[in-house]
């Protein structure tokens, strides 16, 4: 990800001040309803590239899908169908996003769970990454899901 709300990642990375403090302060200033812990989590999600902690050695894609489906109040059977309904498609994209993020398999394997091709998985990751940058609600959903997945898989 090249930009954090208009500011180059490299600028934050190479600045003399601690980038974590700057990014956290940016979030607190621009999102007054976000508390300090959430601001730190947002910093981790943006700057660290949405990495789930290294102690997760193997991922279980079915568990990831189940966690995401439960969070959005749907089932795997529902999101597997061919549908462009926004809620269904976005839930499916979040599943593929986490599958690729956690290296749950190849792009082809991740997409094939939903009877899609590898290009769909690539597109899903790109869409969700863009939504994280532009949509505060999606960014918070990803942080919450990230924690739930981390807790379930460790």
N, C-alpha and C. Protein backbone atom coordinates (compact mmCIF):
# COMPACT_ATOMS: atom_id res chain seq x y z
N UNK A 1 0.85 -1.17 0.00
CA UNK A 1 0.00 0.00 0.00
C UNK A 1 0.89 1.22 0.00
N UNK A 2 0.73 2.08 -0.96
CA UNK A 2 1.61 3.23 -1.13
C UNK A 2 1.19 4.43 -0.30
N UNK A 3 -0.08 4.58 -0.01
CA UNK A 3 -0.53 5.79 0.64
C UNK A 3 -1.33 5.48 1.90
N UNK A 4 -1.13 6.31 2.90
CA UNK A 4 -1.95 6.26 4.10
C UNK A 4 -2.68 7.58 4.12
N UNK A 5 -3.92 7.58 3.64
CA UNK A 5 -4.74 8.78 3.50
C UNK A 5 -3.94 9.94 2.94
N UNK A 6 -3.36 9.72 1.77
CA UNK A 6 -2.70 10.79 1.05
C UNK A 6 -1.24 10.99 1.39
N UNK A 7 -0.72 10.29 2.37
CA UNK A 7 0.67 10.48 2.75
C UNK A 7 1.47 9.24 2.37
N UNK A 8 2.59 9.40 1.74
CA UNK A 8 3.35 8.24 1.30
C UNK A 8 3.85 7.43 2.50
N UNK A 9 3.72 6.12 2.38
CA UNK A 9 4.19 5.20 3.41
C UNK A 9 5.68 5.41 3.67
N UNK A 10 6.47 5.60 2.61
CA UNK A 10 7.90 5.79 2.79
C UNK A 10 8.22 7.04 3.60
N UNK A 11 7.41 8.07 3.46
CA UNK A 11 7.62 9.28 4.25
C UNK A 11 7.47 8.96 5.73
N UNK A 12 6.40 8.19 6.05
CA UNK A 12 6.21 7.79 7.45
C UNK A 12 7.33 6.86 7.91
N UNK A 13 7.70 5.94 7.04
CA UNK A 13 8.70 4.94 7.39
C UNK A 13 10.06 5.58 7.64
N UNK A 14 10.43 6.56 6.82
CA UNK A 14 11.76 7.16 6.91
C UNK A 14 11.82 8.42 7.75
N UNK A 15 10.71 8.85 8.32
CA UNK A 15 10.73 10.08 9.10
C UNK A 15 11.52 9.89 10.39
N UNK A 16 12.05 10.99 10.90
CA UNK A 16 12.86 10.94 12.12
C UNK A 16 11.99 10.63 13.34
N UNK A 17 10.75 11.15 13.35
CA UNK A 17 9.87 10.85 14.47
C UNK A 17 9.34 9.44 14.32
N UNK A 18 8.83 8.91 15.40
CA UNK A 18 8.30 7.55 15.35
C UNK A 18 7.04 7.53 14.50
N UNK A 19 7.01 6.72 13.43
CA UNK A 19 5.83 6.70 12.57
C UNK A 19 4.58 6.24 13.30
N UNK A 20 4.74 5.38 14.28
CA UNK A 20 3.58 4.90 15.03
C UNK A 20 2.87 6.02 15.75
N UNK A 21 3.65 6.92 16.36
CA UNK A 21 3.05 8.04 17.06
C UNK A 21 2.34 8.97 16.08
N UNK A 22 2.97 9.22 14.95
CA UNK A 22 2.38 10.11 13.95
C UNK A 22 1.08 9.53 13.39
N UNK A 23 1.12 8.26 13.01
CA UNK A 23 -0.07 7.62 12.43
C UNK A 23 -1.18 7.53 13.46
N UNK A 24 -0.83 7.19 14.69
CA UNK A 24 -1.83 7.10 15.76
C UNK A 24 -2.48 8.47 15.97
N UNK A 25 -1.67 9.51 16.01
CA UNK A 25 -2.19 10.86 16.20
C UNK A 25 -3.07 11.28 15.03
N UNK A 26 -2.67 10.90 13.82
CA UNK A 26 -3.48 11.20 12.64
C UNK A 26 -4.87 10.58 12.78
N UNK A 27 -4.92 9.32 13.18
CA UNK A 27 -6.20 8.63 13.33
C UNK A 27 -7.03 9.31 14.42
N UNK A 28 -6.40 9.62 15.57
CA UNK A 28 -7.13 10.25 16.66
C UNK A 28 -7.67 11.62 16.26
N UNK A 29 -6.90 12.37 15.48
CA UNK A 29 -7.34 13.71 15.05
C UNK A 29 -8.47 13.64 14.03
N UNK A 30 -8.43 12.68 13.13
CA UNK A 30 -9.40 12.61 12.05
C UNK A 30 -10.63 11.75 12.35
N UNK A 31 -10.52 10.92 13.33
CA UNK A 31 -11.64 10.08 13.73
C UNK A 31 -11.85 10.21 15.24
N UNK A 32 -12.54 11.26 15.67
CA UNK A 32 -12.66 11.55 17.10
C UNK A 32 -13.36 10.45 17.90
N UNK A 33 -14.17 9.62 17.26
CA UNK A 33 -14.87 8.56 17.97
C UNK A 33 -14.01 7.31 18.18
N UNK A 34 -12.76 7.35 17.72
CA UNK A 34 -11.85 6.20 17.85
C UNK A 34 -11.00 6.39 19.09
N UNK A 35 -10.94 5.37 19.94
CA UNK A 35 -10.11 5.48 21.15
C UNK A 35 -8.66 5.14 20.85
N UNK A 36 -7.80 5.30 21.85
CA UNK A 36 -6.36 5.12 21.67
C UNK A 36 -6.00 3.70 21.23
N UNK A 37 -6.62 2.69 21.83
CA UNK A 37 -6.31 1.30 21.45
C UNK A 37 -6.71 1.00 20.01
N UNK A 38 -7.84 1.52 19.59
CA UNK A 38 -8.28 1.32 18.21
C UNK A 38 -7.35 2.06 17.26
N UNK A 39 -6.89 3.25 17.66
CA UNK A 39 -5.94 4.00 16.83
C UNK A 39 -4.65 3.22 16.65
N UNK A 40 -4.19 2.57 17.72
CA UNK A 40 -2.99 1.75 17.62
C UNK A 40 -3.24 0.57 16.70
N UNK A 41 -4.42 -0.05 16.81
CA UNK A 41 -4.76 -1.18 15.93
C UNK A 41 -4.84 -0.72 14.48
N UNK A 42 -5.43 0.46 14.25
CA UNK A 42 -5.47 1.00 12.89
C UNK A 42 -4.07 1.23 12.36
N UNK A 43 -3.21 1.75 13.21
CA UNK A 43 -1.80 1.95 12.80
C UNK A 43 -1.19 0.62 12.38
N UNK A 44 -1.37 -0.39 13.23
CA UNK A 44 -0.83 -1.71 12.91
C UNK A 44 -1.37 -2.22 11.57
N UNK A 45 -2.69 -2.04 11.36
CA UNK A 45 -3.31 -2.52 10.13
C UNK A 45 -2.80 -1.78 8.91
N UNK A 46 -2.68 -0.45 9.00
CA UNK A 46 -2.24 0.33 7.86
C UNK A 46 -0.74 0.17 7.60
N UNK A 47 0.09 0.43 8.58
CA UNK A 47 1.53 0.49 8.39
C UNK A 47 2.14 -0.90 8.26
N UNK A 48 1.69 -1.82 9.04
CA UNK A 48 2.29 -3.15 9.02
C UNK A 48 1.71 -4.03 7.92
N UNK A 49 0.82 -3.50 7.12
CA UNK A 49 0.30 -4.25 5.98
C UNK A 49 -0.69 -5.33 6.36
N UNK A 50 -1.43 -5.12 7.44
CA UNK A 50 -2.50 -6.03 7.85
C UNK A 50 -1.97 -7.42 8.19
N UNK A 51 -0.78 -7.47 8.74
CA UNK A 51 -0.20 -8.77 9.07
C UNK A 51 -0.79 -9.31 10.37
N UNK A 52 -1.16 -10.55 10.34
CA UNK A 52 -1.53 -11.24 11.56
C UNK A 52 -0.23 -11.79 12.13
N UNK A 53 -0.14 -11.87 13.43
CA UNK A 53 1.12 -12.18 14.09
C UNK A 53 1.80 -13.45 13.57
N UNK A 54 3.12 -13.44 13.63
CA UNK A 54 3.92 -14.52 13.05
C UNK A 54 3.71 -15.87 13.72
N UNK A 55 3.13 -15.87 14.94
CA UNK A 55 2.97 -17.16 15.60
C UNK A 55 1.95 -18.06 14.91
N UNK A 56 1.20 -17.52 13.97
CA UNK A 56 0.27 -18.36 13.20
C UNK A 56 1.08 -19.06 12.11
N UNK A 57 1.34 -20.31 12.31
CA UNK A 57 2.16 -21.08 11.37
C UNK A 57 1.33 -21.60 10.20
N UNK A 58 0.20 -22.18 10.51
CA UNK A 58 -0.66 -22.74 9.46
C UNK A 58 -2.04 -22.12 9.60
N UNK A 59 -2.65 -21.89 8.51
CA UNK A 59 -4.00 -21.35 8.57
C UNK A 59 -4.99 -22.40 8.09
N UNK A 60 -6.15 -22.30 8.62
CA UNK A 60 -7.22 -23.20 8.22
C UNK A 60 -8.28 -22.34 7.54
N UNK A 61 -8.30 -22.39 6.23
CA UNK A 61 -9.16 -21.51 5.46
C UNK A 61 -10.64 -21.68 5.80
N UNK A 62 -11.05 -22.90 6.12
CA UNK A 62 -12.44 -23.12 6.49
C UNK A 62 -12.79 -22.36 7.76
N UNK A 63 -11.87 -22.31 8.72
CA UNK A 63 -12.11 -21.55 9.95
C UNK A 63 -12.18 -20.06 9.66
N UNK A 64 -11.32 -19.59 8.76
CA UNK A 64 -11.33 -18.17 8.38
C UNK A 64 -12.69 -17.84 7.76
N UNK A 65 -13.13 -18.67 6.83
CA UNK A 65 -14.42 -18.44 6.17
C UNK A 65 -15.54 -18.44 7.20
N UNK A 66 -15.51 -19.39 8.13
CA UNK A 66 -16.55 -19.48 9.15
C UNK A 66 -16.58 -18.23 10.03
N UNK A 67 -15.41 -17.74 10.43
CA UNK A 67 -15.33 -16.53 11.27
C UNK A 67 -15.90 -15.33 10.53
N UNK A 68 -15.51 -15.17 9.27
CA UNK A 68 -15.99 -14.04 8.47
C UNK A 68 -17.50 -14.14 8.25
N UNK A 69 -17.99 -15.32 7.92
CA UNK A 69 -19.42 -15.50 7.69
C UNK A 69 -20.23 -15.20 8.95
N UNK A 70 -19.77 -15.70 10.07
CA UNK A 70 -20.48 -15.43 11.33
C UNK A 70 -20.50 -13.94 11.64
N UNK A 71 -19.37 -13.27 11.40
CA UNK A 71 -19.28 -11.84 11.67
C UNK A 71 -20.31 -11.06 10.84
N UNK A 72 -20.46 -11.46 9.57
CA UNK A 72 -21.40 -10.76 8.69
C UNK A 72 -22.80 -11.37 8.70
N UNK A 73 -23.02 -12.38 9.54
CA UNK A 73 -24.34 -12.97 9.70
C UNK A 73 -24.85 -13.74 8.50
N UNK A 74 -23.95 -14.50 7.88
CA UNK A 74 -24.33 -15.28 6.71
C UNK A 74 -23.69 -16.66 6.81
N UNK A 75 -23.84 -17.46 5.77
CA UNK A 75 -23.25 -18.80 5.74
C UNK A 75 -22.36 -18.95 4.51
N UNK A 76 -21.51 -19.96 4.56
CA UNK A 76 -20.64 -20.24 3.43
C UNK A 76 -21.46 -20.59 2.20
N UNK A 77 -22.53 -21.35 2.41
CA UNK A 77 -23.39 -21.75 1.29
C UNK A 77 -23.98 -20.51 0.58
N UNK A 78 -24.32 -19.49 1.36
CA UNK A 78 -24.89 -18.27 0.80
C UNK A 78 -23.86 -17.50 -0.03
N UNK A 79 -22.64 -17.37 0.47
CA UNK A 79 -21.64 -16.56 -0.24
C UNK A 79 -20.98 -17.31 -1.38
N UNK A 80 -21.19 -18.62 -1.43
CA UNK A 80 -20.60 -19.42 -2.51
C UNK A 80 -21.40 -19.30 -3.81
N UNK A 81 -22.65 -18.94 -3.72
CA UNK A 81 -23.49 -18.84 -4.92
C UNK A 81 -23.02 -17.71 -5.83
N UNK A 82 -23.35 -17.82 -7.08
CA UNK A 82 -23.00 -16.77 -8.04
C UNK A 82 -23.98 -15.62 -7.84
N UNK A 83 -23.47 -14.55 -7.22
CA UNK A 83 -24.29 -13.39 -6.94
C UNK A 83 -23.42 -12.16 -6.87
N UNK A 84 -23.94 -11.05 -7.36
CA UNK A 84 -23.23 -9.79 -7.27
C UNK A 84 -23.86 -8.88 -6.22
N UNK A 85 -24.76 -9.43 -5.42
CA UNK A 85 -25.33 -8.67 -4.32
C UNK A 85 -24.18 -8.15 -3.45
N UNK A 86 -24.22 -6.88 -3.12
CA UNK A 86 -23.10 -6.23 -2.45
C UNK A 86 -22.69 -6.95 -1.16
N UNK A 87 -23.66 -7.30 -0.31
CA UNK A 87 -23.35 -7.95 0.96
C UNK A 87 -22.71 -9.31 0.75
N UNK A 88 -23.24 -10.06 -0.17
CA UNK A 88 -22.69 -11.39 -0.45
C UNK A 88 -21.30 -11.28 -1.06
N UNK A 89 -21.17 -10.43 -2.07
CA UNK A 89 -19.87 -10.28 -2.75
C UNK A 89 -18.80 -9.75 -1.80
N UNK A 90 -19.16 -8.78 -0.97
CA UNK A 90 -18.17 -8.21 -0.06
C UNK A 90 -17.73 -9.22 1.00
N UNK A 91 -18.64 -10.01 1.50
CA UNK A 91 -18.27 -11.05 2.46
C UNK A 91 -17.33 -12.06 1.80
N UNK A 92 -17.64 -12.44 0.58
CA UNK A 92 -16.78 -13.35 -0.18
C UNK A 92 -15.40 -12.73 -0.39
N UNK A 93 -15.36 -11.45 -0.73
CA UNK A 93 -14.09 -10.76 -0.94
C UNK A 93 -13.27 -10.69 0.34
N UNK A 94 -13.92 -10.46 1.47
CA UNK A 94 -13.20 -10.42 2.74
C UNK A 94 -12.61 -11.80 3.04
N UNK A 95 -13.35 -12.86 2.76
CA UNK A 95 -12.82 -14.22 2.94
C UNK A 95 -11.58 -14.44 2.08
N UNK A 96 -11.66 -14.05 0.82
CA UNK A 96 -10.51 -14.21 -0.08
C UNK A 96 -9.36 -13.32 0.36
N UNK A 97 -9.66 -12.11 0.82
CA UNK A 97 -8.63 -11.18 1.31
C UNK A 97 -7.82 -11.83 2.43
N UNK A 98 -8.53 -12.37 3.44
CA UNK A 98 -7.83 -13.00 4.55
C UNK A 98 -7.13 -14.29 4.11
N UNK A 99 -7.73 -15.02 3.19
CA UNK A 99 -7.07 -16.22 2.68
C UNK A 99 -5.73 -15.89 2.04
N UNK A 100 -5.70 -14.83 1.23
CA UNK A 100 -4.45 -14.43 0.58
C UNK A 100 -3.49 -13.80 1.59
N UNK A 101 -4.02 -13.00 2.50
CA UNK A 101 -3.20 -12.34 3.50
C UNK A 101 -2.47 -13.36 4.38
N UNK A 102 -3.18 -14.40 4.76
CA UNK A 102 -2.63 -15.41 5.66
C UNK A 102 -2.01 -16.59 4.92
N UNK A 103 -1.93 -16.45 3.60
CA UNK A 103 -1.33 -17.48 2.76
C UNK A 103 -1.95 -18.85 3.04
N UNK A 104 -3.28 -18.87 2.98
CA UNK A 104 -4.02 -20.10 3.23
C UNK A 104 -3.95 -21.05 2.05
N UNK A 105 -3.34 -20.62 0.99
CA UNK A 105 -3.21 -21.43 -0.21
C UNK A 105 -2.82 -20.54 -1.37
N UNK A 106 -2.76 -21.13 -2.54
CA UNK A 106 -2.48 -20.34 -3.73
C UNK A 106 -3.72 -19.52 -4.07
N UNK A 107 -3.54 -18.56 -4.94
CA UNK A 107 -4.69 -17.75 -5.37
C UNK A 107 -5.77 -18.64 -5.98
N UNK A 108 -5.33 -19.62 -6.73
CA UNK A 108 -6.28 -20.54 -7.37
C UNK A 108 -7.03 -21.35 -6.32
N UNK A 109 -6.33 -21.85 -5.30
CA UNK A 109 -6.97 -22.65 -4.26
C UNK A 109 -7.97 -21.81 -3.46
N UNK A 110 -7.58 -20.58 -3.15
CA UNK A 110 -8.44 -19.69 -2.38
C UNK A 110 -9.72 -19.40 -3.16
N UNK A 111 -9.57 -19.03 -4.43
CA UNK A 111 -10.73 -18.70 -5.26
C UNK A 111 -11.60 -19.92 -5.55
N UNK A 112 -10.98 -21.08 -5.68
CA UNK A 112 -11.74 -22.28 -6.03
C UNK A 112 -12.73 -22.68 -4.94
N UNK A 113 -12.51 -22.28 -3.71
CA UNK A 113 -13.47 -22.54 -2.63
C UNK A 113 -14.83 -21.93 -2.96
N UNK A 114 -14.79 -20.86 -3.75
CA UNK A 114 -16.02 -20.15 -4.11
C UNK A 114 -16.38 -20.35 -5.59
N UNK A 115 -15.78 -21.37 -6.20
CA UNK A 115 -15.98 -21.65 -7.63
C UNK A 115 -15.64 -20.44 -8.50
N UNK A 116 -14.54 -19.78 -8.16
CA UNK A 116 -14.05 -18.63 -8.91
C UNK A 116 -12.63 -18.92 -9.38
N UNK A 117 -12.07 -18.03 -10.21
CA UNK A 117 -10.69 -18.22 -10.66
C UNK A 117 -9.73 -17.31 -9.88
N UNK A 118 -8.45 -17.49 -10.12
CA UNK A 118 -7.43 -16.77 -9.36
C UNK A 118 -7.54 -15.25 -9.52
N UNK A 119 -7.99 -14.79 -10.69
CA UNK A 119 -8.12 -13.35 -10.91
C UNK A 119 -9.15 -12.73 -9.96
N UNK A 120 -10.16 -13.49 -9.61
CA UNK A 120 -11.17 -13.02 -8.67
C UNK A 120 -10.56 -12.82 -7.28
N UNK A 121 -9.67 -13.73 -6.88
CA UNK A 121 -8.99 -13.59 -5.59
C UNK A 121 -8.09 -12.36 -5.58
N UNK A 122 -7.38 -12.13 -6.66
CA UNK A 122 -6.52 -10.95 -6.76
C UNK A 122 -7.37 -9.68 -6.68
N UNK A 123 -8.48 -9.69 -7.41
CA UNK A 123 -9.38 -8.54 -7.41
C UNK A 123 -9.97 -8.31 -6.01
N UNK A 124 -10.34 -9.38 -5.33
CA UNK A 124 -10.91 -9.27 -3.99
C UNK A 124 -9.92 -8.61 -3.03
N UNK A 125 -8.67 -9.03 -3.09
CA UNK A 125 -7.66 -8.43 -2.21
C UNK A 125 -7.49 -6.95 -2.51
N UNK A 126 -7.49 -6.60 -3.78
CA UNK A 126 -7.33 -5.20 -4.19
C UNK A 126 -8.53 -4.36 -3.73
N UNK A 127 -9.73 -4.88 -3.91
CA UNK A 127 -10.95 -4.16 -3.51
C UNK A 127 -10.97 -3.92 -2.01
N UNK A 128 -10.71 -4.96 -1.24
CA UNK A 128 -10.74 -4.81 0.22
C UNK A 128 -9.63 -3.88 0.69
N UNK A 129 -8.45 -3.97 0.11
CA UNK A 129 -7.35 -3.06 0.47
C UNK A 129 -7.75 -1.61 0.21
N UNK A 130 -8.40 -1.36 -0.93
CA UNK A 130 -8.86 -0.01 -1.23
C UNK A 130 -9.96 0.45 -0.28
N UNK A 131 -10.87 -0.45 0.05
CA UNK A 131 -11.94 -0.10 1.00
C UNK A 131 -11.39 0.20 2.39
N UNK A 132 -10.34 -0.50 2.79
CA UNK A 132 -9.72 -0.24 4.09
C UNK A 132 -9.20 1.20 4.14
N UNK A 133 -8.65 1.65 3.03
CA UNK A 133 -8.11 3.01 2.97
C UNK A 133 -9.21 4.06 2.97
N UNK A 134 -10.36 3.76 2.38
CA UNK A 134 -11.37 4.79 2.16
C UNK A 134 -12.61 4.66 3.03
N UNK A 135 -12.82 3.53 3.67
CA UNK A 135 -14.04 3.30 4.42
C UNK A 135 -13.70 2.88 5.85
N UNK A 136 -13.97 3.79 6.80
CA UNK A 136 -13.63 3.55 8.20
C UNK A 136 -14.32 2.30 8.74
N UNK A 137 -15.57 2.06 8.33
CA UNK A 137 -16.31 0.90 8.83
C UNK A 137 -15.65 -0.41 8.39
N UNK A 138 -15.25 -0.47 7.13
CA UNK A 138 -14.56 -1.67 6.63
C UNK A 138 -13.23 -1.84 7.34
N UNK A 139 -12.50 -0.74 7.54
CA UNK A 139 -11.21 -0.81 8.24
C UNK A 139 -11.40 -1.40 9.64
N UNK A 140 -12.42 -0.95 10.33
CA UNK A 140 -12.69 -1.49 11.68
C UNK A 140 -13.13 -2.95 11.61
N UNK A 141 -13.94 -3.30 10.61
CA UNK A 141 -14.34 -4.71 10.43
C UNK A 141 -13.11 -5.59 10.25
N UNK A 142 -12.17 -5.15 9.43
CA UNK A 142 -10.96 -5.94 9.16
C UNK A 142 -10.13 -6.09 10.43
N UNK A 143 -10.03 -5.03 11.22
CA UNK A 143 -9.28 -5.11 12.48
C UNK A 143 -9.93 -6.11 13.42
N UNK A 144 -11.25 -6.03 13.56
CA UNK A 144 -11.97 -6.96 14.44
C UNK A 144 -11.83 -8.39 13.94
N UNK A 145 -12.03 -8.60 12.65
CA UNK A 145 -11.89 -9.95 12.08
C UNK A 145 -10.46 -10.46 12.22
N UNK A 146 -9.49 -9.59 12.03
CA UNK A 146 -8.08 -9.96 12.18
C UNK A 146 -7.83 -10.52 13.58
N UNK A 147 -8.35 -9.82 14.59
CA UNK A 147 -8.18 -10.28 15.97
C UNK A 147 -8.90 -11.60 16.21
N UNK A 148 -10.12 -11.73 15.71
CA UNK A 148 -10.87 -12.98 15.89
C UNK A 148 -10.17 -14.16 15.22
N UNK A 149 -9.67 -13.93 14.03
CA UNK A 149 -8.96 -14.99 13.31
C UNK A 149 -7.68 -15.36 14.05
N UNK A 150 -6.95 -14.35 14.48
CA UNK A 150 -5.70 -14.60 15.23
C UNK A 150 -5.98 -15.42 16.48
N UNK A 151 -7.03 -15.04 17.22
CA UNK A 151 -7.36 -15.76 18.46
C UNK A 151 -7.84 -17.18 18.20
N UNK A 152 -8.54 -17.38 17.10
CA UNK A 152 -9.08 -18.71 16.78
C UNK A 152 -7.99 -19.66 16.26
N UNK A 153 -7.02 -19.10 15.54
CA UNK A 153 -6.02 -19.96 14.89
C UNK A 153 -4.75 -20.16 15.72
N UNK A 154 -4.61 -19.43 16.81
CA UNK A 154 -3.40 -19.62 17.64
C UNK A 154 -3.66 -20.52 18.80
